[in-house]
Amino acid sequence: MSIVRNRTPGARRARGRFVFAAVAAALAALLLAALCLPRGRHPAAVSSGPDMSRRHQRPSAAYSPLATPARLVEPPDASAAAPGRSSGGDVVVPADDPDDVSADDPAGPIPADDPELLAMAPERDFATRAWKIVESEGDLVSLAQKGEAMMNSGSREDRALGAVLLFFAGAMDDVAVERVLADGDPAVPLTLHDWVRDFGEEGAAATLGERIRAQFSLDEMRDFAASGAGAFGGARAALDLWLGGFPDGAIPAEELAAIVSSPNVSYDVRAQGLLKLFEPETMELGVDAASAISGGGSVLTDQFLEKLGNVAEIADEGDDCKIWDSQTPVVYFLAHDESALPSRDLANYLEYALRRDDPEVEPNIQEGTWQFANEYLEARLAALGDAIPPEEQDALDRIAASLDRLVEYDPAFNPFETVEENGEEDAVSDGSADDDAAADDDDGETDEEEADGEEEEIGDESGEGTDDSAEAETDSDDGLEWIEGLDGQG
């Protein structure tokens, strides 16, 4: 088929105007794209940052559930949730006046000059600076420009802050990542990794983590994790990368014990490291490490160690499987016990439960974990109102980020699976007699016997069925006698 082309002068002029308009439109589009990409960067390679619709608010302030559970979980017996001491009920804001609380109360307020608390100030101040800039910059281009300028600073803290701002601006592309990795101080890439892990996508955090691990040795990660007290960031990332650097999760427990026993370790690294050590196979090392730490002059540390003892009693079900993946009674206890730093302790527990030291093994999250953590966040925000201390808000931000990730693993969000009372996942039953028989034969106990055993173990609200000697032990003056009681377990 032949095509007849119109070659009249008017048609050529019209065609010329059309071509000119098309070229002009294309140039305009290219110019607009160039203006939208700061300094001519390619699209972000690490992460586009958090949800931009909520970029101007911290996660805890803007948190709304991604999904709602298909079913709810009844809270455990409050009197049994905390061996020796429980503060069940609604979350209560600690008293501002130390005179309102007895000085002998082990759950009393942490002194303002507590060395462990003071060591958190640099990280708290760094987060305050970062969020202030993120919330005040009018657009992503200006935020990226601010980050670029800070990346040229002679201060390692400013360079780390610049990297964080580029991440929030969606400008952390390959060029920016290489620049961060090439920094002479590992605190810069590790601090960035902290923020990407907390507020970015899991895949982006994993990619950045692999690039950092290729740049620094496991020994460097271990040493940084052990010296994170008083740093502005990066210690949690260093611990995460070090733990994930061993084949099949075969972590050298002795080295981990040395990390948590270091006088220069940060509160968060010590907490998550001890949780790891208190797994059944390494319990003895964990007890030794806790014993070496106790009585070091920090009220905060001693309160945390007492809380850890309670968590150990709640979590120890005698199972062969890893007990420190999230257990609902533990989450419930942490959400209601006000000793130490409640928000930070819950944030550390959730992050530890979600960690995947072995990429092939998914987190084992018991049904109800999301529910009780979410209830804590809502209650805490309501109690604090607009007067949220910076160190508190940092922890609430981390809880909010963990809540989003828990949706993928908490069985309460899956309407097609059932969960046995011991928290183990099971396929949906069709209600047949064979299913009932199999359930009765499991472990040689009937459902009634299992229920009786659980009631006998946890007791009721009146305290019946509890061990008075154990209660007296955990209610001692310094609250640390549980270490001797646990010695030799594992």
Protein backbone atom coordinates (compact mmCIF):
# COMPACT_ATOMS: atom_id res chain seq x y z
CA MET A 1 0.00 0.00 0.00
CA SER A 2 1.38 3.35 -1.10
CA ILE A 3 1.15 6.39 1.15
CA VAL A 4 0.47 9.77 -0.42
CA ARG A 5 2.26 12.54 1.50
CA ASN A 6 0.91 16.06 1.43
CA ARG A 7 3.80 18.30 0.43
CA THR A 8 2.05 21.63 0.13
CA PRO A 9 3.84 24.67 1.72
CA GLY A 10 1.09 25.04 4.35
CA ALA A 11 1.40 21.42 5.39
CA ARG A 12 5.19 21.74 5.72
CA ARG A 13 4.79 24.84 7.91
CA ALA A 14 2.22 23.04 10.09
CA ARG A 15 4.49 20.02 10.36
CA GLY A 16 7.42 22.29 11.29
CA ARG A 17 5.39 23.93 14.03
CA PHE A 18 4.40 20.48 15.34
CA VAL A 19 8.03 19.27 15.42
CA PHE A 20 9.16 22.45 17.12
CA ALA A 21 6.44 22.11 19.76
CA ALA A 22 7.34 18.46 20.36
CA VAL A 23 11.03 19.27 20.77
CA ALA A 24 10.22 22.15 23.11
CA ALA A 25 8.01 19.92 25.21
CA ALA A 26 10.73 17.27 25.43
CA LEU A 27 13.33 19.83 26.49
CA ALA A 28 10.98 21.19 29.12
CA ALA A 29 10.42 17.70 30.50
CA LEU A 30 14.17 17.04 30.67
CA LEU A 31 14.76 20.37 32.40
CA LEU A 32 12.06 19.63 34.98
CA ALA A 33 13.53 16.19 35.66
CA ALA A 34 16.98 17.71 36.11
CA LEU A 35 15.64 20.17 38.63
CA CYS A 36 13.88 17.43 40.60
CA LEU A 37 17.03 15.30 40.95
CA PRO A 38 19.46 17.09 43.30
CA ARG A 39 22.90 17.62 41.73
CA GLY A 40 21.94 15.44 38.76
CA ARG A 41 21.70 12.27 40.86
CA HIS A 42 20.24 9.05 39.63
CA PRO A 43 17.16 7.73 41.45
CA ALA A 44 17.87 6.56 44.99
CA ALA A 45 19.71 3.23 45.10
CA VAL A 46 19.54 2.53 48.85
CA SER A 47 16.06 3.73 49.68
CA SER A 48 13.55 6.38 48.81
CA GLY A 49 13.23 7.04 52.53
CA PRO A 50 10.12 6.67 54.67
CA ASP A 51 6.61 7.24 53.40
CA MET A 52 6.82 10.79 52.06
CA SER A 53 3.23 11.50 53.06
CA ARG A 54 4.42 11.21 56.66
CA ARG A 55 7.92 12.61 56.15
CA HIS A 56 7.36 15.75 58.20
CA GLN A 57 6.36 13.85 61.33
CA ARG A 58 8.27 11.40 63.44
CA PRO A 59 7.01 7.80 63.10
CA SER A 60 5.58 7.61 66.60
CA ALA A 61 3.61 10.82 66.09
CA ALA A 62 2.32 9.75 62.68
CA TYR A 63 1.92 6.03 63.25
CA SER A 64 -1.22 4.36 62.02
CA PRO A 65 -1.48 0.57 61.58
CA LEU A 66 -0.85 -0.83 58.13
CA ALA A 67 -3.42 -3.52 58.88
CA THR A 68 -5.58 -4.68 61.75
CA PRO A 69 -5.34 -8.18 63.26
CA ALA A 70 -7.86 -10.77 62.16
CA ARG A 71 -8.30 -11.71 65.80
CA LEU A 72 -7.37 -10.36 69.22
CA VAL A 73 -5.51 -12.07 72.05
CA GLU A 74 -6.61 -12.11 75.67
CA PRO A 75 -3.93 -10.56 77.91
CA PRO A 76 -2.10 -12.99 80.21
CA ASP A 77 -2.73 -12.98 83.93
CA ALA A 78 -1.19 -9.71 85.13
CA SER A 79 -0.19 -11.16 88.50
CA ALA A 80 1.82 -13.90 86.83
CA ALA A 81 3.28 -11.83 84.00
CA ALA A 82 5.98 -10.34 86.23
CA PRO A 83 7.61 -12.77 88.67
CA GLY A 84 8.32 -10.98 91.92
CA ARG A 85 7.04 -7.59 90.76
CA SER A 86 4.35 -6.53 88.33
CA SER A 87 2.89 -3.14 87.60
CA GLY A 88 0.01 -4.44 85.52
CA GLY A 89 -2.71 -2.13 84.35
CA ASP A 90 -2.44 1.06 82.36
CA VAL A 91 0.89 2.63 81.60
CA VAL A 92 1.64 5.38 84.08
CA VAL A 93 4.04 8.26 83.54
CA PRO A 94 6.88 8.09 86.09
CA ALA A 95 6.76 10.77 88.77
CA ASP A 96 8.67 13.93 87.93
CA ASP A 97 9.49 14.60 91.59
CA PRO A 98 11.93 12.02 93.01
CA ASP A 99 10.52 12.75 96.48
CA ASP A 100 7.25 11.18 95.36
CA VAL A 101 8.95 7.78 95.08
CA SER A 102 10.79 5.97 97.82
CA ALA A 103 14.53 5.90 97.29
CA ASP A 104 14.44 2.19 98.18
CA ASP A 105 11.95 1.41 95.40
CA PRO A 106 13.82 -0.66 92.78
CA ALA A 107 11.46 0.68 90.12
CA GLY A 108 12.01 4.30 91.11
CA PRO A 109 13.08 7.02 88.67
CA ILE A 110 16.54 6.90 87.13
CA PRO A 111 18.79 9.65 88.53
CA ALA A 112 19.53 12.38 86.01
CA ASP A 113 23.27 11.88 86.53
CA ASP A 114 23.16 8.11 85.99
CA PRO A 115 26.23 7.33 83.84
CA GLU A 116 24.28 4.99 81.56
CA LEU A 117 21.64 7.65 80.98
CA LEU A 118 24.21 10.38 80.35
CA ALA A 119 25.92 8.20 77.75
CA MET A 120 22.73 8.30 75.64
CA ALA A 121 22.82 12.09 75.27
CA PRO A 122 24.89 12.29 72.05
CA GLU A 123 22.60 9.86 70.19
CA ARG A 124 19.51 11.65 71.54
CA ASP A 125 20.86 15.04 70.45
CA PHE A 126 21.78 13.69 67.00
CA ALA A 127 18.24 12.38 66.49
CA THR A 128 16.77 15.68 67.65
CA ARG A 129 18.91 17.58 65.12
CA ALA A 130 18.00 15.21 62.30
CA TRP A 131 14.25 15.32 62.87
CA LYS A 132 14.26 19.09 63.34
CA ILE A 133 15.82 19.55 59.90
CA VAL A 134 13.59 16.94 58.25
CA GLU A 135 10.47 18.56 59.67
CA SER A 136 11.53 22.11 58.85
CA GLU A 137 12.77 21.77 55.24
CA GLY A 138 10.04 22.65 52.79
CA ASP A 139 10.85 20.16 50.02
CA LEU A 140 13.06 17.22 49.17
CA VAL A 141 15.39 19.25 46.97
CA SER A 142 16.31 21.66 49.75
CA LEU A 143 16.64 18.74 52.16
CA ALA A 144 19.06 17.02 49.77
CA GLN A 145 21.04 20.23 49.34
CA LYS A 146 21.31 20.54 53.12
CA GLY A 147 22.57 16.98 53.30
CA GLU A 148 25.10 17.57 50.52
CA ALA A 149 26.51 20.60 52.33
CA MET A 150 26.89 18.69 55.58
CA MET A 151 28.62 15.80 53.82
CA ASN A 152 31.50 18.22 53.14
CA SER A 153 31.96 19.01 56.84
CA GLY A 154 35.13 18.26 58.76
CA SER A 155 32.99 16.87 61.57
CA ARG A 156 32.17 13.16 61.38
CA GLU A 157 28.88 13.80 63.20
CA ASP A 158 27.87 16.39 60.60
CA ARG A 159 28.84 14.05 57.77
CA ALA A 160 26.73 11.29 59.30
CA LEU A 161 23.85 13.72 59.68
CA GLY A 162 24.25 14.76 56.05
CA ALA A 163 23.99 11.11 54.98
CA VAL A 164 20.81 10.70 57.02
CA LEU A 165 19.30 13.80 55.40
CA LEU A 166 20.13 12.47 51.92
CA PHE A 167 18.38 9.24 52.85
CA PHE A 168 15.24 11.09 53.92
CA ALA A 169 15.40 13.17 50.74
CA GLY A 170 15.50 10.04 48.59
CA ALA A 171 18.92 11.04 47.25
CA MET A 172 20.99 8.18 48.63
CA ASP A 173 22.03 6.76 45.25
CA ASP A 174 25.11 4.70 44.37
CA VAL A 175 27.32 7.79 44.19
CA ALA A 176 26.22 8.92 47.65
CA VAL A 177 26.61 5.42 49.10
CA GLU A 178 30.17 5.14 47.78
CA ARG A 179 30.94 8.52 49.27
CA VAL A 180 29.61 7.43 52.65
CA LEU A 181 31.49 4.13 52.53
CA ALA A 182 34.71 5.94 51.64
CA ASP A 183 34.50 8.11 54.74
CA GLY A 184 37.50 7.66 56.98
CA ASP A 185 35.33 7.06 60.03
CA PRO A 186 33.10 3.94 60.24
CA ALA A 187 30.67 5.90 62.43
CA VAL A 188 29.35 7.65 59.30
CA PRO A 189 28.15 4.59 57.31
CA LEU A 190 27.11 2.75 60.47
CA THR A 191 24.98 5.65 61.68
CA LEU A 192 23.33 5.83 58.27
CA HIS A 193 22.65 2.09 58.53
CA ASP A 194 20.97 2.65 61.90
CA TRP A 195 18.51 5.06 60.32
CA VAL A 196 17.88 2.98 57.19
CA ARG A 197 17.21 -0.08 59.38
CA ASP A 198 14.82 1.90 61.57
CA PHE A 199 12.94 3.92 58.97
CA GLY A 200 13.66 2.47 55.55
CA GLU A 201 12.70 -0.70 53.75
CA GLU A 202 14.14 -4.02 54.93
CA GLY A 203 15.55 -4.78 51.49
CA ALA A 204 17.31 -1.42 51.32
CA ALA A 205 18.75 -1.92 54.81
CA ALA A 206 20.01 -5.38 53.85
CA THR A 207 21.65 -4.04 50.68
CA LEU A 208 23.39 -1.22 52.54
CA GLY A 209 24.44 -3.63 55.27
CA GLU A 210 26.11 -5.95 52.79
CA ARG A 211 28.05 -3.08 51.28
CA ILE A 212 29.20 -1.94 54.71
CA ARG A 213 30.18 -5.49 55.66
CA ALA A 214 32.27 -5.71 52.49
CA GLN A 215 34.04 -2.50 53.49
CA PHE A 216 34.78 -3.34 57.14
CA SER A 217 35.90 -6.56 58.82
CA LEU A 218 33.91 -8.46 61.44
CA ASP A 219 36.52 -7.49 64.01
CA GLU A 220 35.94 -3.82 63.22
CA MET A 221 32.18 -4.30 63.60
CA ARG A 222 32.72 -6.10 66.92
CA ASP A 223 35.01 -3.40 68.28
CA PHE A 224 32.65 -0.61 67.25
CA ALA A 225 29.69 -2.35 68.86
CA ALA A 226 31.66 -2.74 72.09
CA SER A 227 32.54 0.96 72.25
CA GLY A 228 29.25 2.64 71.33
CA ALA A 229 28.52 4.30 74.68
CA GLY A 230 28.51 8.06 74.23
CA ALA A 231 28.47 7.81 70.42
CA PHE A 232 25.92 9.61 68.23
CA GLY A 233 24.94 6.39 66.46
CA GLY A 234 26.01 3.25 64.65
CA ALA A 235 26.48 0.82 67.55
CA ARG A 236 23.23 -1.07 66.94
CA ALA A 237 24.08 -1.36 63.25
CA ALA A 238 27.54 -2.66 64.10
CA LEU A 239 26.04 -5.34 66.37
CA ASP A 240 23.52 -6.29 63.69
CA LEU A 241 26.17 -6.62 60.99
CA TRP A 242 28.51 -8.54 63.28
CA LEU A 243 25.80 -10.99 64.37
CA GLY A 244 24.79 -11.59 60.76
CA GLY A 245 28.33 -12.15 59.53
CA PHE A 246 28.72 -15.77 60.63
CA PRO A 247 27.62 -18.77 58.54
CA ASP A 248 24.35 -20.32 59.72
CA GLY A 249 24.20 -17.88 62.62
CA ALA A 250 27.15 -19.58 64.36
CA ILE A 251 28.02 -16.57 66.50
CA PRO A 252 31.00 -16.89 68.89
CA ALA A 253 29.25 -16.50 72.23
CA GLU A 254 32.44 -15.67 74.12
CA GLU A 255 33.04 -12.65 71.93
CA LEU A 256 29.44 -11.55 72.35
CA ALA A 257 29.83 -11.85 76.13
CA ALA A 258 32.92 -9.65 75.91
CA ILE A 259 30.91 -7.06 73.97
CA VAL A 260 28.08 -6.82 76.50
CA SER A 261 30.55 -6.80 79.42
CA SER A 262 32.54 -3.91 77.99
CA PRO A 263 32.37 -0.75 80.13
CA ASN A 264 32.04 1.28 76.92
CA VAL A 265 29.10 -0.59 75.38
CA SER A 266 25.86 1.27 74.75
CA TYR A 267 22.63 0.45 76.59
CA ASP A 268 20.92 -0.83 73.44
CA VAL A 269 23.79 -3.10 72.40
CA ARG A 270 24.12 -4.51 75.91
CA ALA A 271 20.38 -5.20 76.08
CA GLN A 272 20.16 -6.93 72.72
CA GLY A 273 23.42 -8.80 73.28
CA LEU A 274 22.23 -10.17 76.63
CA LEU A 275 18.97 -11.30 75.06
CA LYS A 276 21.02 -13.25 72.56
CA LEU A 277 23.24 -14.76 75.25
CA PHE A 278 20.28 -15.85 77.35
CA GLU A 279 19.25 -18.42 74.77
CA PRO A 280 19.34 -21.94 76.25
CA GLU A 281 22.69 -22.99 74.76
CA THR A 282 24.55 -19.92 76.07
CA MET A 283 22.60 -19.17 79.24
CA GLU A 284 25.61 -19.75 81.50
CA LEU A 285 27.69 -17.19 79.59
CA GLY A 286 24.81 -14.75 79.77
CA VAL A 287 24.53 -15.17 83.54
CA ASP A 288 28.28 -14.63 83.94
CA ALA A 289 28.14 -11.49 81.81
CA ALA A 290 25.17 -10.11 83.76
CA SER A 291 26.94 -10.84 87.03
CA ALA A 292 30.04 -8.97 85.85
CA ILE A 293 27.94 -5.95 84.89
CA SER A 294 25.79 -5.69 88.02
CA GLY A 295 26.71 -3.32 90.82
CA GLY A 296 28.71 -1.04 88.55
CA GLY A 297 27.19 2.18 89.87
CA SER A 298 24.34 2.58 87.37
CA VAL A 299 20.81 2.43 88.72
CA LEU A 300 19.57 2.07 85.16
CA THR A 301 21.76 -0.97 84.50
CA ASP A 302 20.73 -2.66 87.74
CA GLN A 303 17.04 -2.08 86.99
CA PHE A 304 17.46 -3.51 83.52
CA LEU A 305 19.25 -6.60 84.84
CA GLU A 306 16.41 -7.20 87.29
CA LYS A 307 13.93 -6.82 84.45
CA LEU A 308 15.97 -9.26 82.36
CA GLY A 309 15.72 -11.80 85.18
CA ASN A 310 11.93 -11.50 85.12
CA VAL A 311 11.91 -11.84 81.34
CA ALA A 312 14.06 -14.97 81.63
CA GLU A 313 11.57 -16.56 84.02
CA ILE A 314 8.61 -15.70 81.82
CA ALA A 315 10.26 -16.88 78.60
CA ASP A 316 11.80 -20.10 79.91
CA GLU A 317 9.23 -22.67 78.83
CA GLY A 318 11.72 -25.52 78.63
CA ASP A 319 11.47 -25.63 74.84
CA ASP A 320 14.36 -26.72 72.68
CA CYS A 321 13.64 -23.98 70.19
CA LYS A 322 14.99 -20.46 70.45
CA ILE A 323 13.04 -18.85 73.29
CA TRP A 324 13.94 -15.27 72.59
CA ASP A 325 11.94 -14.77 69.45
CA SER A 326 8.98 -12.68 70.50
CA GLN A 327 6.79 -14.27 73.14
CA THR A 328 3.44 -12.67 73.90
CA PRO A 329 3.72 -12.89 77.73
CA VAL A 330 7.12 -11.21 77.55
CA VAL A 331 5.80 -8.40 75.39
CA TYR A 332 2.87 -7.95 77.76
CA PHE A 333 5.23 -7.80 80.74
CA LEU A 334 7.56 -5.30 79.08
CA ALA A 335 4.55 -3.17 78.14
CA HIS A 336 3.48 -2.92 81.80
CA ASP A 337 6.70 -2.93 83.80
CA GLU A 338 7.88 0.62 84.43
CA SER A 339 11.40 -0.05 85.68
CA ALA A 340 14.51 0.95 83.74
CA LEU A 341 13.51 2.53 80.38
CA PRO A 342 10.19 0.88 79.41
CA SER A 343 9.96 2.20 75.84
CA ARG A 344 13.60 1.51 75.07
CA ASP A 345 13.45 -1.98 76.56
CA LEU A 346 10.40 -2.86 74.50
CA ALA A 347 12.00 -1.40 71.36
CA ASN A 348 15.14 -3.49 71.93
CA TYR A 349 13.13 -6.66 72.50
CA LEU A 350 11.08 -6.18 69.32
CA GLU A 351 14.14 -5.38 67.24
CA TYR A 352 15.93 -8.41 68.60
CA ALA A 353 12.96 -10.65 67.86
CA LEU A 354 12.78 -9.35 64.29
CA ARG A 355 16.52 -9.71 63.65
CA ARG A 356 17.50 -12.43 61.19
CA ASP A 357 21.02 -13.50 62.07
CA ASP A 358 20.51 -16.38 59.65
CA PRO A 359 18.75 -15.07 56.50
CA GLU A 360 17.22 -18.51 55.97
CA VAL A 361 15.39 -18.44 59.31
CA GLU A 362 12.38 -16.19 59.69
CA PRO A 363 11.51 -14.56 63.03
CA ASN A 364 9.26 -16.64 65.26
CA ILE A 365 6.64 -14.15 66.45
CA GLN A 366 3.89 -15.32 68.78
CA GLU A 367 0.33 -14.26 68.16
CA GLY A 368 -0.50 -11.04 69.98
CA THR A 369 2.98 -9.47 69.86
CA TRP A 370 1.78 -6.67 67.59
CA GLN A 371 -1.37 -6.13 69.65
CA PHE A 372 0.34 -5.62 73.02
CA ALA A 373 3.15 -3.51 71.55
CA ASN A 374 0.62 -1.35 69.71
CA GLU A 375 -1.45 -0.92 72.88
CA TYR A 376 1.69 0.19 74.70
CA LEU A 377 2.52 2.76 72.03
CA GLU A 378 -0.99 4.19 72.07
CA ALA A 379 -1.10 4.35 75.87
CA ARG A 380 2.34 5.89 76.16
CA LEU A 381 1.62 8.59 73.60
CA ALA A 382 -1.67 9.39 75.31
CA ALA A 383 0.02 9.59 78.72
CA LEU A 384 2.90 11.79 77.56
CA GLY A 385 0.89 14.06 75.27
CA ASP A 386 3.06 16.77 73.75
CA ALA A 387 5.70 16.49 76.49
CA ILE A 388 7.63 13.52 75.10
CA PRO A 389 11.27 13.55 76.23
CA PRO A 390 13.68 13.20 73.29
CA GLU A 391 15.15 9.90 74.51
CA GLU A 392 11.63 8.57 74.98
CA GLN A 393 10.53 9.64 71.52
CA ASP A 394 13.51 7.92 69.91
CA ALA A 395 12.39 4.62 71.44
CA LEU A 396 8.74 5.19 70.48
CA ASP A 397 9.86 5.82 66.89
CA ARG A 398 11.62 2.47 66.89
CA ILE A 399 8.56 0.70 68.31
CA ALA A 400 6.41 2.24 65.57
CA ALA A 401 8.83 0.98 62.91
CA SER A 402 8.81 -2.52 64.43
CA LEU A 403 5.01 -2.58 64.47
CA ASP A 404 4.93 -2.20 60.69
CA ARG A 405 7.31 -5.14 60.31
CA LEU A 406 5.52 -7.34 62.83
CA VAL A 407 2.44 -7.40 60.58
CA GLU A 408 4.25 -9.82 58.27
CA TYR A 409 5.02 -12.33 61.03
CA ASP A 410 2.37 -12.07 63.75
CA PRO A 411 -0.12 -14.93 63.17
CA ALA A 412 -2.96 -12.69 64.36
CA PHE A 413 -2.95 -11.10 60.91
CA ASN A 414 -3.42 -14.42 59.13
CA PRO A 415 -7.08 -15.51 59.23
CA PHE A 416 -6.23 -18.88 57.67
CA GLU A 417 -4.02 -20.31 60.37
CA THR A 418 -4.62 -21.25 63.98
CA VAL A 419 -2.16 -21.02 66.83
CA GLU A 420 -1.95 -23.48 69.69
CA GLU A 421 -1.83 -22.23 73.26
CA ASN A 422 1.93 -22.78 73.42
CA GLY A 423 2.37 -20.35 70.52
CA GLU A 424 3.31 -22.91 67.88
CA GLU A 425 1.72 -22.42 64.49
CA ASP A 426 -0.59 -25.13 63.25
CA ALA A 427 -2.54 -25.71 60.07
CA VAL A 428 -6.23 -24.92 59.99
CA SER A 429 -8.18 -27.87 61.35
CA ASP A 430 -11.21 -29.22 59.53
CA GLY A 431 -12.76 -30.25 62.83
CA SER A 432 -12.49 -33.98 62.14
CA ALA A 433 -12.24 -36.64 64.81
CA ASP A 434 -8.71 -37.46 63.62
CA ASP A 435 -7.65 -33.91 64.43
CA ASP A 436 -9.10 -34.19 67.93
CA ALA A 437 -7.34 -37.49 68.53
CA ALA A 438 -4.04 -36.09 67.31
CA ALA A 439 -4.42 -33.14 69.64
CA ASP A 440 -5.11 -35.43 72.61
CA ASP A 441 -2.10 -37.60 71.82
CA ASP A 442 0.26 -34.63 71.52
CA ASP A 443 2.91 -34.96 74.26
CA GLY A 444 0.72 -37.58 75.91
CA GLU A 445 -1.60 -34.97 77.42
CA THR A 446 -5.19 -34.02 76.78
CA ASP A 447 -6.28 -30.44 76.32
CA GLU A 448 -7.66 -30.45 79.87
CA GLU A 449 -4.34 -31.67 81.29
CA GLU A 450 -2.42 -29.04 79.35
CA ALA A 451 -4.73 -26.30 80.56
CA ASP A 452 -4.43 -27.52 84.16
CA GLY A 453 -0.68 -27.54 83.83
CA GLU A 454 -0.64 -23.98 82.59
CA GLU A 455 -2.91 -22.79 85.39
CA GLU A 456 -0.68 -24.51 87.91
CA GLU A 457 2.37 -22.86 86.39
CA ILE A 458 1.19 -19.26 86.18
CA GLY A 459 -1.15 -19.09 89.17
CA ASP A 460 -4.09 -16.72 89.49
CA GLU A 461 -4.48 -13.10 90.45
CA SER A 462 -4.55 -13.94 94.14
CA GLY A 463 -1.04 -15.36 93.88
CA GLU A 464 -2.00 -19.00 94.35
CA GLY A 465 0.26 -21.50 92.69
CA THR A 466 3.34 -19.23 92.88
CA ASP A 467 6.59 -20.06 94.61
CA ASP A 468 6.96 -17.83 97.66
CA SER A 469 10.69 -18.44 97.86
CA ALA A 470 11.20 -17.38 94.26
CA GLU A 471 9.09 -14.27 94.87
CA ALA A 472 11.12 -13.36 97.93
CA GLU A 473 14.29 -13.83 95.93
CA THR A 474 13.28 -11.44 93.14
CA ASP A 475 11.96 -8.90 95.68
CA SER A 476 15.33 -8.57 97.40
CA ASP A 477 16.96 -5.23 98.10
CA ASP A 478 19.19 -5.08 95.04
CA GLY A 479 16.96 -7.18 92.81
CA LEU A 480 19.90 -9.09 91.30
CA GLU A 481 19.80 -12.40 93.22
CA TRP A 482 18.14 -13.98 90.19
CA ILE A 483 21.63 -14.24 88.67
CA GLU A 484 22.62 -16.85 91.23
CA GLY A 485 19.32 -18.63 90.75
CA LEU A 486 19.89 -18.92 87.02
CA ASP A 487 23.54 -19.93 87.29
CA GLY A 488 24.11 -23.24 85.59
CA GLN A 489 20.99 -23.15 83.45
CA GLY A 490 21.20 -23.57 79.73
